Every structure is written in structure tokens, then in C-alpha cells.
């Protein structure tokens, strides 16, 4: 089942000296139960593409459809809260909240009662391979790999069927990188998510079901 579809989308922005065509006439689709890697050199447009797929920006031409609905006509904040979760390279955890409280946060936004939210959050933290001692730890007390796992658990707490990750292993050592990629692959299969990973790392890309390669704002290859 196709969850997300982009049709001929383009996006440009103006610097002091020139107009940058960041994404040029890109069409692609993302199905449930698969992990996608979007690759390309720095400046190729992959992060801009992710931003549009996440509803953070809208294409200046073309359309993005979420299960047949035009994303431009949707409440995009709600779309990210309930359907499309974003995991960032820099983790973006709340520094004054414990791991458990970070994962509870999106559940409480959805009006889940505190006790039920805590139980769901604990289970998600366990699912990403962290022990109970993590529940009470603040982000600065955790390693990079642990913080990224908490960020993924928080993204999963949002529910939905889309997980978008922007260079999720960029700050991690090789061992933690392998754990995170394996975890993302598992989510696509076990939860029937469409997982979209922006990466410049060929080792990460090789583990995806489908690789989309960008160059100069265009989609030049898919395999």
C-alpha cells in the first residue's frame, strides 16, 4: 500500500547572490513495510526533499499525497503529530525531561492518561533495546546511541505509519550505527511503516529495500 507519493515536486530558494533549485521535478512513492534510503552528495537536495515529505515545507510546484489526500490541504502540524514522525541527527530530545518523559510527551499531547502513557512509553523504550535504568536518565546522561534510540521511541509513540529520519546515524560510532539501522529496518517490517532515511553513508543505504539517489536536485536513480 502506498502511503506517501510525490508528483513532480520542485523547491527553490534565494540566497544573496543566486537562486538555488534545491529539488527539481521529483516524483517518487513510498509503500508500507519498506525502508527507503535517499542518498546523494551534500547539496543534492535530499534534506529539502525530506522537509517537504514531512510537511515542514510545501513544494512550490507539484503535489504530495498522503494516502490519496493532498498534503497542502491538510493540517500539517497534526500530520507530524499523528502520522509522520521525524527523527533528527541531533536527536532533539527535551534536555530537562527524562527519557521516559520524552517518550511520554507525544502520548500526552494525544490526551492519553498519564499512567497509560507511562506504560506505553516504557514498552517503547524496551522495544528499542534500552534497559529500565534509562527511564530516569536525562539526555546528557546518555550516550549518542542511547539518545538516538530514545528519539526513535518518541517518534514511534506518535503512532501513524511514516518514519522519516534525517542522517540518524551521522553522530554515531559504527556499532551504534548498525544497531540504529537494524532498528529502523525492524520498524518498517514489524509495524508496517514506510521508513525513509536520508543518508550519505553507503553502508546504511545498502540495508534499505529501495535506494533513491539524488544529484543536483533531481532523482537520478532508484534500485
N, C-alpha and C. Protein backbone atom coordinates (compact mmCIF):
# COMPACT_ATOMS: atom_id res chain seq x y z
N UNK A 1 0.84 -1.19 0.00
CA UNK A 1 0.00 0.00 0.00
C UNK A 1 0.88 1.25 0.00
N UNK A 2 0.58 2.15 -0.91
CA UNK A 2 1.33 3.41 -0.98
C UNK A 2 0.82 4.37 0.09
N UNK A 3 1.72 4.83 0.93
CA UNK A 3 1.36 5.77 1.99
C UNK A 3 1.62 7.21 1.56
N UNK A 4 2.74 7.41 0.89
CA UNK A 4 3.18 8.76 0.56
C UNK A 4 3.62 8.79 -0.90
N UNK A 5 3.20 9.83 -1.61
CA UNK A 5 3.52 9.93 -3.04
C UNK A 5 3.81 11.38 -3.40
N UNK A 6 4.92 11.59 -4.08
CA UNK A 6 5.29 12.92 -4.57
C UNK A 6 5.18 12.92 -6.09
N UNK A 7 4.55 13.94 -6.63
CA UNK A 7 4.37 14.04 -8.08
C UNK A 7 4.95 15.35 -8.58
N UNK A 8 6.08 15.25 -9.28
CA UNK A 8 6.70 16.39 -9.97
C UNK A 8 6.90 17.59 -9.03
N UNK A 9 7.48 17.33 -7.86
CA UNK A 9 7.66 18.42 -6.90
C UNK A 9 8.99 19.15 -7.13
N UNK A 10 8.94 20.46 -6.91
CA UNK A 10 10.14 21.30 -7.04
C UNK A 10 10.14 22.32 -5.91
N UNK A 11 11.36 22.73 -5.54
CA UNK A 11 11.50 23.73 -4.48
C UNK A 11 12.81 24.48 -4.70
N UNK A 12 12.74 25.82 -4.64
CA UNK A 12 13.94 26.64 -4.78
C UNK A 12 13.94 27.73 -3.72
N UNK A 13 15.12 28.26 -3.46
CA UNK A 13 15.23 29.37 -2.50
C UNK A 13 16.30 30.34 -2.99
N UNK A 14 16.18 31.56 -2.51
CA UNK A 14 17.05 32.64 -2.97
C UNK A 14 18.11 32.95 -1.93
N UNK A 15 19.38 32.96 -2.33
CA UNK A 15 20.45 33.46 -1.49
C UNK A 15 20.72 34.91 -1.89
N UNK A 16 21.73 35.50 -1.28
CA UNK A 16 22.05 36.90 -1.61
C UNK A 16 22.44 37.05 -3.07
N UNK A 17 23.04 36.00 -3.64
CA UNK A 17 23.60 36.13 -4.98
C UNK A 17 22.91 35.30 -6.05
N UNK A 18 22.13 34.30 -5.66
CA UNK A 18 21.57 33.42 -6.69
C UNK A 18 20.34 32.67 -6.17
N UNK A 19 19.62 32.07 -7.12
CA UNK A 19 18.51 31.19 -6.78
C UNK A 19 19.00 29.75 -6.84
N UNK A 20 18.76 29.02 -5.76
CA UNK A 20 19.17 27.61 -5.69
C UNK A 20 17.96 26.74 -5.96
N UNK A 21 18.03 25.92 -6.99
CA UNK A 21 16.97 24.95 -7.27
C UNK A 21 17.29 23.68 -6.48
N UNK A 22 16.75 23.60 -5.27
CA UNK A 22 17.12 22.52 -4.36
C UNK A 22 16.54 21.18 -4.77
N UNK A 23 15.28 21.17 -5.21
CA UNK A 23 14.61 19.96 -5.69
C UNK A 23 13.96 20.29 -7.02
N UNK A 24 14.21 19.43 -8.02
CA UNK A 24 13.73 19.72 -9.37
C UNK A 24 12.90 18.56 -9.92
N UNK A 25 11.61 18.76 -10.01
CA UNK A 25 10.72 17.84 -10.71
C UNK A 25 10.90 16.38 -10.24
N UNK A 26 10.79 16.17 -8.94
CA UNK A 26 10.99 14.83 -8.36
C UNK A 26 9.65 14.13 -8.18
N UNK A 27 9.58 12.89 -8.63
CA UNK A 27 8.42 12.03 -8.41
C UNK A 27 8.89 10.73 -7.77
N UNK A 28 8.20 10.30 -6.71
CA UNK A 28 8.56 9.05 -6.04
C UNK A 28 7.39 8.64 -5.15
N UNK A 29 7.40 7.36 -4.74
CA UNK A 29 6.35 6.89 -3.84
C UNK A 29 6.96 5.99 -2.77
N UNK A 30 6.25 5.90 -1.64
CA UNK A 30 6.75 5.15 -0.50
C UNK A 30 5.65 4.24 0.03
N UNK A 31 5.95 2.95 0.08
CA UNK A 31 4.96 1.94 0.46
C UNK A 31 5.17 1.46 1.88
N UNK A 32 4.10 1.03 2.51
CA UNK A 32 4.16 0.46 3.86
C UNK A 32 5.00 -0.80 3.84
N UNK A 33 5.72 -1.02 4.95
CA UNK A 33 6.50 -2.24 5.10
C UNK A 33 7.86 -2.22 4.42
N UNK A 34 8.30 -1.04 3.96
CA UNK A 34 9.59 -0.94 3.28
C UNK A 34 10.42 0.20 3.87
N UNK A 35 11.73 0.01 3.81
CA UNK A 35 12.66 1.05 4.22
C UNK A 35 13.35 1.61 2.97
N UNK A 36 13.36 2.93 2.88
CA UNK A 36 13.94 3.64 1.74
C UNK A 36 15.15 4.45 2.21
N UNK A 37 16.19 4.46 1.41
CA UNK A 37 17.34 5.32 1.67
C UNK A 37 17.42 6.35 0.56
N UNK A 38 17.49 7.62 0.93
CA UNK A 38 17.68 8.70 -0.04
C UNK A 38 19.13 9.17 0.10
N UNK A 39 19.90 8.99 -0.96
CA UNK A 39 21.34 9.26 -0.92
C UNK A 39 21.70 10.40 -1.87
N UNK A 40 22.92 10.86 -1.73
CA UNK A 40 23.42 11.91 -2.61
C UNK A 40 24.45 12.76 -1.90
N UNK A 41 25.22 13.49 -2.67
CA UNK A 41 26.23 14.38 -2.10
C UNK A 41 25.57 15.52 -1.33
N UNK A 42 26.35 16.18 -0.50
CA UNK A 42 25.87 17.37 0.20
C UNK A 42 25.40 18.40 -0.84
N UNK A 43 24.22 18.95 -0.63
CA UNK A 43 23.68 19.91 -1.58
C UNK A 43 22.89 19.30 -2.71
N UNK A 44 22.68 17.99 -2.67
CA UNK A 44 21.96 17.32 -3.77
C UNK A 44 20.45 17.49 -3.66
N UNK A 45 19.96 17.94 -2.50
CA UNK A 45 18.53 18.17 -2.35
C UNK A 45 17.82 17.18 -1.46
N UNK A 46 18.55 16.23 -0.89
CA UNK A 46 17.87 15.17 -0.14
C UNK A 46 17.22 15.67 1.14
N UNK A 47 17.86 16.58 1.86
CA UNK A 47 17.25 17.10 3.09
C UNK A 47 16.05 18.00 2.78
N UNK A 48 16.11 18.74 1.68
CA UNK A 48 14.97 19.55 1.26
C UNK A 48 13.80 18.65 0.90
N UNK A 49 14.09 17.54 0.23
CA UNK A 49 13.04 16.58 -0.10
C UNK A 49 12.39 16.04 1.17
N UNK A 50 13.20 15.67 2.15
CA UNK A 50 12.66 15.16 3.41
C UNK A 50 11.78 16.21 4.09
N UNK A 51 12.23 17.46 4.06
CA UNK A 51 11.47 18.54 4.69
C UNK A 51 10.08 18.66 4.07
N UNK A 52 10.00 18.49 2.77
CA UNK A 52 8.69 18.55 2.11
C UNK A 52 7.85 17.32 2.42
N UNK A 53 8.46 16.15 2.44
CA UNK A 53 7.72 14.93 2.76
C UNK A 53 7.19 14.97 4.19
N UNK A 54 7.93 15.67 5.08
CA UNK A 54 7.50 15.81 6.47
C UNK A 54 6.50 16.94 6.66
N UNK A 55 6.22 17.69 5.61
CA UNK A 55 5.28 18.80 5.72
C UNK A 55 5.85 20.03 6.37
N UNK A 56 7.17 20.09 6.52
CA UNK A 56 7.80 21.28 7.09
C UNK A 56 7.85 22.41 6.07
N UNK A 57 7.96 22.04 4.80
CA UNK A 57 7.86 22.97 3.68
C UNK A 57 6.92 22.36 2.66
N UNK A 58 6.33 23.21 1.84
CA UNK A 58 5.47 22.74 0.75
C UNK A 58 6.19 22.94 -0.58
N UNK A 59 6.02 22.01 -1.52
CA UNK A 59 6.63 22.21 -2.84
C UNK A 59 6.06 23.46 -3.52
N UNK A 60 6.89 24.12 -4.29
CA UNK A 60 6.43 25.31 -5.00
C UNK A 60 5.72 24.95 -6.29
N UNK A 61 5.97 23.72 -6.75
CA UNK A 61 5.18 23.15 -7.84
C UNK A 61 5.09 21.66 -7.60
N UNK A 62 4.06 21.04 -8.15
CA UNK A 62 3.83 19.62 -7.90
C UNK A 62 3.03 19.41 -6.63
N UNK A 63 2.76 18.15 -6.33
CA UNK A 63 1.91 17.80 -5.20
C UNK A 63 2.48 16.61 -4.43
N UNK A 64 2.20 16.59 -3.12
CA UNK A 64 2.50 15.44 -2.28
C UNK A 64 1.17 14.92 -1.75
N UNK A 65 0.97 13.60 -1.88
CA UNK A 65 -0.27 12.98 -1.44
C UNK A 65 0.00 12.00 -0.30
N UNK A 66 -0.81 12.08 0.74
CA UNK A 66 -0.73 11.17 1.88
C UNK A 66 -1.97 10.29 1.83
N UNK A 67 -1.75 9.04 1.43
CA UNK A 67 -2.87 8.10 1.25
C UNK A 67 -3.99 8.75 0.43
N UNK A 68 -3.58 9.40 -0.65
CA UNK A 68 -4.53 9.98 -1.59
C UNK A 68 -4.96 11.40 -1.29
N UNK A 69 -4.60 11.94 -0.12
CA UNK A 69 -5.01 13.29 0.25
C UNK A 69 -3.86 14.27 0.00
N UNK A 70 -4.18 15.43 -0.53
CA UNK A 70 -3.18 16.45 -0.83
C UNK A 70 -2.63 17.02 0.49
N UNK A 71 -1.33 16.88 0.70
CA UNK A 71 -0.72 17.35 1.93
C UNK A 71 -0.91 18.85 2.13
N UNK A 72 -0.94 19.61 1.05
CA UNK A 72 -1.09 21.06 1.15
C UNK A 72 -2.43 21.46 1.76
N UNK A 73 -3.43 20.58 1.66
CA UNK A 73 -4.76 20.88 2.19
C UNK A 73 -4.96 20.33 3.60
N UNK A 74 -3.95 19.66 4.13
CA UNK A 74 -4.06 19.04 5.45
C UNK A 74 -3.51 19.96 6.54
N UNK A 75 -3.87 19.67 7.78
CA UNK A 75 -3.24 20.30 8.94
C UNK A 75 -1.88 19.64 9.11
N UNK A 76 -0.81 20.34 8.72
CA UNK A 76 0.50 19.70 8.66
C UNK A 76 1.10 19.48 10.05
N UNK A 77 0.75 20.29 11.03
CA UNK A 77 1.20 20.02 12.40
C UNK A 77 0.57 18.72 12.89
N UNK A 78 -0.68 18.55 12.63
CA UNK A 78 -1.36 17.31 13.02
C UNK A 78 -0.79 16.11 12.27
N UNK A 79 -0.46 16.31 11.00
CA UNK A 79 0.15 15.26 10.18
C UNK A 79 1.43 14.75 10.84
N UNK A 80 2.27 15.67 11.35
CA UNK A 80 3.51 15.25 12.01
C UNK A 80 3.26 14.67 13.40
N UNK A 81 2.23 15.14 14.06
CA UNK A 81 1.92 14.59 15.39
C UNK A 81 1.38 13.17 15.31
N UNK A 82 0.58 12.91 14.29
CA UNK A 82 -0.19 11.68 14.29
C UNK A 82 0.20 10.68 13.22
N UNK A 83 0.91 11.11 12.19
CA UNK A 83 1.17 10.18 11.09
C UNK A 83 2.62 10.11 10.65
N UNK A 84 3.29 11.23 10.56
CA UNK A 84 4.65 11.25 10.05
C UNK A 84 5.61 11.75 11.12
N UNK A 85 6.37 10.84 11.70
CA UNK A 85 7.31 11.20 12.77
C UNK A 85 8.69 11.43 12.17
N UNK A 86 9.39 12.45 12.69
CA UNK A 86 10.71 12.80 12.17
C UNK A 86 11.76 12.56 13.25
N UNK A 87 12.84 11.87 12.86
CA UNK A 87 13.99 11.63 13.74
C UNK A 87 15.17 12.39 13.16
N UNK A 88 15.81 13.21 14.00
CA UNK A 88 16.89 14.07 13.52
C UNK A 88 18.25 13.54 13.96
N UNK A 89 19.28 13.91 13.20
CA UNK A 89 20.65 13.54 13.53
C UNK A 89 21.04 14.07 14.91
N UNK A 90 20.56 15.26 15.26
CA UNK A 90 20.92 15.88 16.53
C UNK A 90 19.98 15.49 17.67
N UNK A 91 19.15 14.48 17.44
CA UNK A 91 18.27 13.87 18.45
C UNK A 91 17.08 14.76 18.83
N UNK A 92 17.34 16.02 19.19
CA UNK A 92 16.27 16.97 19.56
C UNK A 92 15.42 16.47 20.72
N UNK A 93 16.04 15.82 21.68
CA UNK A 93 15.32 15.46 22.91
C UNK A 93 15.18 16.69 23.79
N UNK A 94 14.15 16.70 24.63
CA UNK A 94 13.99 17.80 25.58
C UNK A 94 14.98 17.61 26.72
N UNK A 95 15.92 18.53 26.91
CA UNK A 95 17.01 18.30 27.87
C UNK A 95 16.58 18.22 29.32
N UNK A 96 15.44 18.84 29.67
CA UNK A 96 15.00 18.86 31.07
C UNK A 96 13.98 17.76 31.37
N UNK A 97 13.76 16.87 30.40
CA UNK A 97 12.87 15.73 30.62
C UNK A 97 13.69 14.45 30.60
N UNK A 98 13.29 13.48 31.42
CA UNK A 98 13.95 12.17 31.39
C UNK A 98 13.60 11.46 30.09
N UNK A 99 14.27 10.35 29.84
CA UNK A 99 13.96 9.54 28.65
C UNK A 99 12.49 9.15 28.64
N UNK A 100 12.01 8.70 29.80
CA UNK A 100 10.61 8.29 29.89
C UNK A 100 9.68 9.46 29.59
N UNK A 101 9.98 10.62 30.14
CA UNK A 101 9.13 11.79 29.91
C UNK A 101 9.18 12.25 28.47
N UNK A 102 10.35 12.13 27.83
CA UNK A 102 10.46 12.48 26.41
C UNK A 102 9.54 11.61 25.56
N UNK A 103 9.51 10.31 25.86
CA UNK A 103 8.68 9.39 25.06
C UNK A 103 7.20 9.54 25.40
N UNK A 104 6.91 9.90 26.64
CA UNK A 104 5.52 10.14 27.04
C UNK A 104 4.94 11.38 26.38
N UNK A 105 5.79 12.34 26.03
CA UNK A 105 5.32 13.65 25.58
C UNK A 105 4.29 13.58 24.44
N UNK A 106 4.58 12.88 23.32
CA UNK A 106 3.57 12.84 22.25
C UNK A 106 2.30 12.10 22.65
N UNK A 107 2.41 11.14 23.56
CA UNK A 107 1.22 10.43 24.03
C UNK A 107 0.32 11.36 24.83
N UNK A 108 0.94 12.18 25.67
CA UNK A 108 0.16 13.12 26.47
C UNK A 108 -0.47 14.22 25.60
N UNK A 109 0.21 14.57 24.50
CA UNK A 109 -0.40 15.51 23.56
C UNK A 109 -1.67 14.94 22.95
N UNK A 110 -1.70 13.62 22.83
CA UNK A 110 -2.89 12.95 22.28
C UNK A 110 -3.92 12.63 23.36
N UNK A 111 -3.72 13.21 24.56
CA UNK A 111 -4.66 13.08 25.68
C UNK A 111 -4.69 11.68 26.28
N UNK A 112 -3.60 10.91 26.09
CA UNK A 112 -3.51 9.63 26.79
C UNK A 112 -3.26 9.91 28.27
N UNK A 113 -3.97 9.23 29.14
CA UNK A 113 -3.80 9.47 30.58
C UNK A 113 -2.39 9.13 31.01
N UNK A 114 -1.92 9.85 32.04
CA UNK A 114 -0.51 9.78 32.42
C UNK A 114 -0.04 8.36 32.72
N UNK A 115 -0.82 7.59 33.46
CA UNK A 115 -0.41 6.24 33.81
C UNK A 115 -0.29 5.37 32.57
N UNK A 116 -1.27 5.46 31.67
CA UNK A 116 -1.24 4.67 30.44
C UNK A 116 -0.09 5.14 29.54
N UNK A 117 0.14 6.45 29.49
CA UNK A 117 1.24 6.99 28.67
C UNK A 117 2.58 6.46 29.18
N UNK A 118 2.73 6.40 30.51
CA UNK A 118 3.98 5.91 31.09
C UNK A 118 4.21 4.45 30.73
N UNK A 119 3.17 3.64 30.78
CA UNK A 119 3.30 2.22 30.46
C UNK A 119 3.65 2.03 28.98
N UNK A 120 2.98 2.78 28.11
CA UNK A 120 3.29 2.68 26.68
C UNK A 120 4.72 3.14 26.40
N UNK A 121 5.14 4.22 27.05
CA UNK A 121 6.48 4.75 26.84
C UNK A 121 7.54 3.75 27.31
N UNK A 122 7.30 3.11 28.46
CA UNK A 122 8.24 2.10 28.96
C UNK A 122 8.40 0.96 27.96
N UNK A 123 7.28 0.52 27.40
CA UNK A 123 7.34 -0.59 26.44
C UNK A 123 8.09 -0.18 25.18
N UNK A 124 7.89 1.04 24.71
CA UNK A 124 8.60 1.51 23.52
C UNK A 124 10.10 1.62 23.78
N UNK A 125 10.47 2.10 24.96
CA UNK A 125 11.89 2.20 25.30
C UNK A 125 12.53 0.80 25.35
N UNK A 126 11.80 -0.16 25.89
CA UNK A 126 12.32 -1.54 25.88
C UNK A 126 12.45 -2.06 24.46
N UNK A 127 11.47 -1.73 23.60
CA UNK A 127 11.49 -2.22 22.22
C UNK A 127 12.69 -1.72 21.44
N UNK A 128 13.19 -0.53 21.78
CA UNK A 128 14.36 -0.02 21.06
C UNK A 128 15.67 -0.48 21.72
N UNK A 129 15.56 -1.40 22.67
CA UNK A 129 16.75 -2.06 23.20
C UNK A 129 17.40 -1.38 24.38
N UNK A 130 16.66 -0.54 25.10
CA UNK A 130 17.22 0.13 26.28
C UNK A 130 16.65 -0.48 27.56
N UNK A 131 17.45 -0.44 28.60
CA UNK A 131 17.05 -1.04 29.87
C UNK A 131 16.23 -0.05 30.70
N UNK A 132 15.67 -0.56 31.80
CA UNK A 132 14.82 0.27 32.65
C UNK A 132 15.58 1.40 33.33
N UNK A 133 16.89 1.26 33.48
CA UNK A 133 17.65 2.35 34.11
C UNK A 133 17.60 3.62 33.27
N UNK A 134 17.32 3.46 31.96
CA UNK A 134 17.24 4.62 31.07
C UNK A 134 16.03 5.48 31.39
N UNK A 135 14.98 4.88 31.95
CA UNK A 135 13.74 5.62 32.18
C UNK A 135 13.99 6.94 32.90
N UNK A 136 14.87 6.92 33.89
CA UNK A 136 15.06 8.08 34.76
C UNK A 136 16.23 8.97 34.34
N UNK A 137 16.89 8.61 33.25
CA UNK A 137 18.06 9.38 32.82
C UNK A 137 17.67 10.57 31.96
N UNK A 138 18.40 11.67 32.13
CA UNK A 138 18.24 12.83 31.27
C UNK A 138 19.16 12.67 30.05
N UNK A 139 18.86 13.36 28.95
CA UNK A 139 19.66 13.19 27.74
C UNK A 139 21.17 13.31 27.95
N UNK A 140 21.61 14.27 28.77
CA UNK A 140 23.05 14.47 28.95
C UNK A 140 23.70 13.30 29.69
N UNK A 141 22.91 12.42 30.27
CA UNK A 141 23.44 11.26 30.98
C UNK A 141 23.58 10.04 30.06
N UNK A 142 23.13 10.18 28.81
CA UNK A 142 23.11 9.05 27.88
C UNK A 142 24.14 9.23 26.77
N UNK A 143 24.56 8.11 26.19
CA UNK A 143 25.45 8.15 25.03
C UNK A 143 24.65 8.60 23.80
N UNK A 144 25.37 8.88 22.72
CA UNK A 144 24.70 9.26 21.48
C UNK A 144 23.77 8.18 20.97
N UNK A 145 24.22 6.94 21.02
CA UNK A 145 23.38 5.83 20.57
C UNK A 145 22.13 5.69 21.40
N UNK A 146 22.25 5.88 22.71
CA UNK A 146 21.08 5.79 23.59
C UNK A 146 20.11 6.93 23.32
N UNK A 147 20.64 8.13 23.12
CA UNK A 147 19.77 9.27 22.82
C UNK A 147 19.01 9.05 21.51
N UNK A 148 19.69 8.49 20.51
CA UNK A 148 19.02 8.26 19.23
C UNK A 148 17.92 7.22 19.38
N UNK A 149 18.15 6.21 20.21
CA UNK A 149 17.12 5.20 20.44
C UNK A 149 15.90 5.80 21.14
N UNK A 150 16.16 6.69 22.10
CA UNK A 150 15.05 7.37 22.77
C UNK A 150 14.29 8.24 21.76
N UNK A 151 15.01 8.90 20.86
CA UNK A 151 14.37 9.72 19.84
C UNK A 151 13.49 8.86 18.93
N UNK A 152 13.94 7.65 18.61
CA UNK A 152 13.13 6.75 17.79
C UNK A 152 11.92 6.27 18.56
N UNK A 153 12.11 5.94 19.84
CA UNK A 153 10.97 5.52 20.67
C UNK A 153 9.93 6.64 20.74
N UNK A 154 10.38 7.89 20.88
CA UNK A 154 9.45 9.02 20.92
C UNK A 154 8.71 9.15 19.59
N UNK A 155 9.43 8.95 18.49
CA UNK A 155 8.78 9.01 17.18
C UNK A 155 7.72 7.93 17.04
N UNK A 156 8.02 6.73 17.53
CA UNK A 156 7.06 5.63 17.45
C UNK A 156 5.84 5.89 18.32
N UNK A 157 6.03 6.64 19.40
CA UNK A 157 4.91 6.97 20.29
C UNK A 157 3.86 7.82 19.58
N UNK A 158 4.28 8.49 18.52
CA UNK A 158 3.32 9.32 17.78
C UNK A 158 2.31 8.48 17.03
N UNK A 159 2.62 7.20 16.80
CA UNK A 159 1.73 6.35 16.03
C UNK A 159 1.93 6.62 14.54
N UNK A 160 0.88 6.50 13.76
CA UNK A 160 0.98 6.75 12.33
C UNK A 160 1.63 5.60 11.60
N UNK A 161 2.11 5.88 10.40
CA UNK A 161 2.70 4.84 9.57
C UNK A 161 3.88 5.33 8.74
N UNK A 162 4.42 6.49 9.13
CA UNK A 162 5.57 7.05 8.43
C UNK A 162 6.65 7.43 9.43
N UNK A 163 7.88 7.03 9.14
CA UNK A 163 9.01 7.42 9.97
C UNK A 163 10.07 8.00 9.05
N UNK A 164 10.39 9.28 9.23
CA UNK A 164 11.36 9.96 8.40
C UNK A 164 12.58 10.30 9.24
N UNK A 165 13.75 9.90 8.79
CA UNK A 165 14.96 10.07 9.59
C UNK A 165 16.02 10.81 8.77
N UNK A 166 16.50 11.93 9.31
CA UNK A 166 17.49 12.75 8.62
C UNK A 166 18.88 12.46 9.20
N UNK A 167 19.68 11.72 8.45
CA UNK A 167 21.03 11.32 8.89
C UNK A 167 21.02 10.78 10.32
N UNK A 168 20.20 9.76 10.61
CA UNK A 168 20.04 9.33 12.01
C UNK A 168 21.27 8.69 12.62
N UNK A 169 22.24 8.32 11.79
CA UNK A 169 23.46 7.69 12.32
C UNK A 169 24.69 8.58 12.18
N UNK A 170 24.49 9.82 11.76
CA UNK A 170 25.62 10.70 11.46
C UNK A 170 26.53 10.98 12.63
N UNK A 171 25.99 10.96 13.85
CA UNK A 171 26.79 11.28 15.04
C UNK A 171 27.22 10.03 15.81
N UNK A 172 27.04 8.85 15.22
CA UNK A 172 27.23 7.62 15.98
C UNK A 172 28.46 6.84 15.51
N UNK A 173 29.01 6.03 16.42
CA UNK A 173 30.09 5.14 16.02
C UNK A 173 29.52 3.95 15.25
N UNK A 174 30.40 3.12 14.70
CA UNK A 174 29.97 2.04 13.82
C UNK A 174 29.02 1.06 14.51
N UNK A 175 29.32 0.71 15.75
CA UNK A 175 28.47 -0.26 16.46
C UNK A 175 27.06 0.29 16.66
N UNK A 176 26.97 1.53 17.14
CA UNK A 176 25.65 2.13 17.35
C UNK A 176 24.94 2.38 16.03
N UNK A 177 25.69 2.72 14.99
CA UNK A 177 25.10 2.90 13.67
C UNK A 177 24.39 1.63 13.23
N UNK A 178 25.05 0.48 13.39
CA UNK A 178 24.45 -0.79 12.98
C UNK A 178 23.19 -1.09 13.77
N UNK A 179 23.20 -0.79 15.07
CA UNK A 179 22.02 -1.02 15.91
C UNK A 179 20.84 -0.16 15.44
N UNK A 180 21.11 1.10 15.14
CA UNK A 180 20.04 2.02 14.75
C UNK A 180 19.45 1.61 13.40
N UNK A 181 20.30 1.25 12.45
CA UNK A 181 19.81 0.85 11.13
C UNK A 181 18.98 -0.43 11.23
N UNK A 182 19.45 -1.38 12.03
CA UNK A 182 18.69 -2.61 12.24
C UNK A 182 17.33 -2.29 12.86
N UNK A 183 17.32 -1.38 13.81
CA UNK A 183 16.09 -0.99 14.48
C UNK A 183 15.11 -0.36 13.49
N UNK A 184 15.59 0.52 12.62
CA UNK A 184 14.73 1.15 11.62
C UNK A 184 14.18 0.13 10.64
N UNK A 185 15.00 -0.82 10.23
CA UNK A 185 14.54 -1.90 9.35
C UNK A 185 13.43 -2.71 10.01
N UNK A 186 13.61 -3.00 11.29
CA UNK A 186 12.61 -3.76 12.03
C UNK A 186 11.28 -3.02 12.08
N UNK A 187 11.33 -1.71 12.28
CA UNK A 187 10.09 -0.95 12.37
C UNK A 187 9.31 -0.99 11.07
N UNK A 188 10.01 -0.94 9.95
CA UNK A 188 9.31 -0.98 8.67
C UNK A 188 8.56 -2.30 8.50
N UNK A 189 9.17 -3.39 8.95
CA UNK A 189 8.55 -4.70 8.75
C UNK A 189 7.53 -5.04 9.85
N UNK A 190 7.92 -4.84 11.09
CA UNK A 190 7.06 -5.28 12.19
C UNK A 190 5.86 -4.36 12.39
N UNK A 191 6.02 -3.06 12.14
CA UNK A 191 4.92 -2.12 12.32
C UNK A 191 4.26 -1.72 11.01
N UNK A 192 4.77 -2.24 9.90
CA UNK A 192 4.25 -1.92 8.57
C UNK A 192 4.36 -0.43 8.27
N UNK A 193 5.46 0.16 8.71
CA UNK A 193 5.75 1.57 8.46
C UNK A 193 6.42 1.72 7.09
N UNK A 194 6.30 2.91 6.52
CA UNK A 194 7.21 3.34 5.47
C UNK A 194 8.30 4.14 6.17
N UNK A 195 9.53 3.66 6.11
CA UNK A 195 10.66 4.31 6.77
C UNK A 195 11.53 4.95 5.68
N UNK A 196 11.77 6.25 5.81
CA UNK A 196 12.55 7.00 4.82
C UNK A 196 13.77 7.58 5.53
N UNK A 197 14.95 7.16 5.11
CA UNK A 197 16.20 7.58 5.76
C UNK A 197 17.03 8.40 4.79
N UNK A 198 17.36 9.62 5.18
CA UNK A 198 18.31 10.43 4.43
C UNK A 198 19.71 10.07 4.92
N UNK A 199 20.59 9.69 4.00
CA UNK A 199 21.93 9.29 4.43
C UNK A 199 22.95 9.50 3.33
N UNK A 200 24.17 9.82 3.74
CA UNK A 200 25.29 9.87 2.79
C UNK A 200 26.16 8.62 2.95
N UNK A 201 25.77 7.74 3.89
CA UNK A 201 26.58 6.58 4.23
C UNK A 201 26.15 5.37 3.38
N UNK A 202 27.01 4.86 2.50
CA UNK A 202 26.62 3.73 1.65
C UNK A 202 26.32 2.45 2.43
N UNK A 203 26.95 2.28 3.60
CA UNK A 203 26.67 1.09 4.42
C UNK A 203 25.23 1.12 4.94
N UNK A 204 24.77 2.29 5.33
CA UNK A 204 23.38 2.44 5.77
C UNK A 204 22.44 2.22 4.59
N UNK A 205 22.74 2.83 3.46
CA UNK A 205 21.86 2.74 2.29
C UNK A 205 21.70 1.30 1.82
N UNK A 206 22.76 0.51 1.88
CA UNK A 206 22.70 -0.87 1.38
C UNK A 206 21.70 -1.74 2.13
N UNK A 207 21.35 -1.34 3.34
CA UNK A 207 20.42 -2.15 4.13
C UNK A 207 18.96 -1.78 3.88
N UNK A 208 18.72 -0.76 3.06
CA UNK A 208 17.36 -0.37 2.72
C UNK A 208 16.80 -1.30 1.64
N UNK A 209 15.49 -1.35 1.56
CA UNK A 209 14.84 -2.12 0.49
C UNK A 209 14.98 -1.42 -0.85
N UNK A 210 14.90 -0.10 -0.83
CA UNK A 210 14.97 0.70 -2.06
C UNK A 210 15.87 1.90 -1.81
N UNK A 211 16.78 2.16 -2.76
CA UNK A 211 17.68 3.31 -2.66
C UNK A 211 17.29 4.33 -3.73
N UNK A 212 17.09 5.56 -3.29
CA UNK A 212 16.81 6.67 -4.20
C UNK A 212 18.02 7.59 -4.19
N UNK A 213 18.58 7.83 -5.35
CA UNK A 213 19.79 8.66 -5.43
C UNK A 213 19.46 10.00 -6.05
N UNK A 214 19.94 11.08 -5.38
CA UNK A 214 19.71 12.41 -5.89
C UNK A 214 21.02 13.07 -6.32
N UNK A 215 20.91 13.91 -7.34
CA UNK A 215 22.05 14.70 -7.80
C UNK A 215 21.52 16.02 -8.35
N UNK A 216 22.07 17.13 -7.85
CA UNK A 216 21.68 18.46 -8.32
C UNK A 216 20.17 18.67 -8.28
N UNK A 217 19.54 18.18 -7.22
CA UNK A 217 18.11 18.39 -7.02
C UNK A 217 17.21 17.43 -7.75
N UNK A 218 17.78 16.53 -8.53
CA UNK A 218 16.96 15.58 -9.31
C UNK A 218 17.13 14.17 -8.77
N UNK A 219 16.09 13.38 -8.94
CA UNK A 219 16.17 11.96 -8.64
C UNK A 219 16.74 11.28 -9.87
N UNK A 220 17.94 10.71 -9.71
CA UNK A 220 18.64 10.18 -10.90
C UNK A 220 18.65 8.66 -10.95
N UNK A 221 18.30 8.01 -9.85
CA UNK A 221 18.36 6.55 -9.87
C UNK A 221 17.52 6.01 -8.73
N UNK A 222 16.96 4.83 -8.95
CA UNK A 222 16.23 4.10 -7.91
C UNK A 222 16.53 2.63 -8.11
N UNK A 223 16.86 1.92 -7.01
CA UNK A 223 17.16 0.49 -7.13
C UNK A 223 16.75 -0.22 -5.85
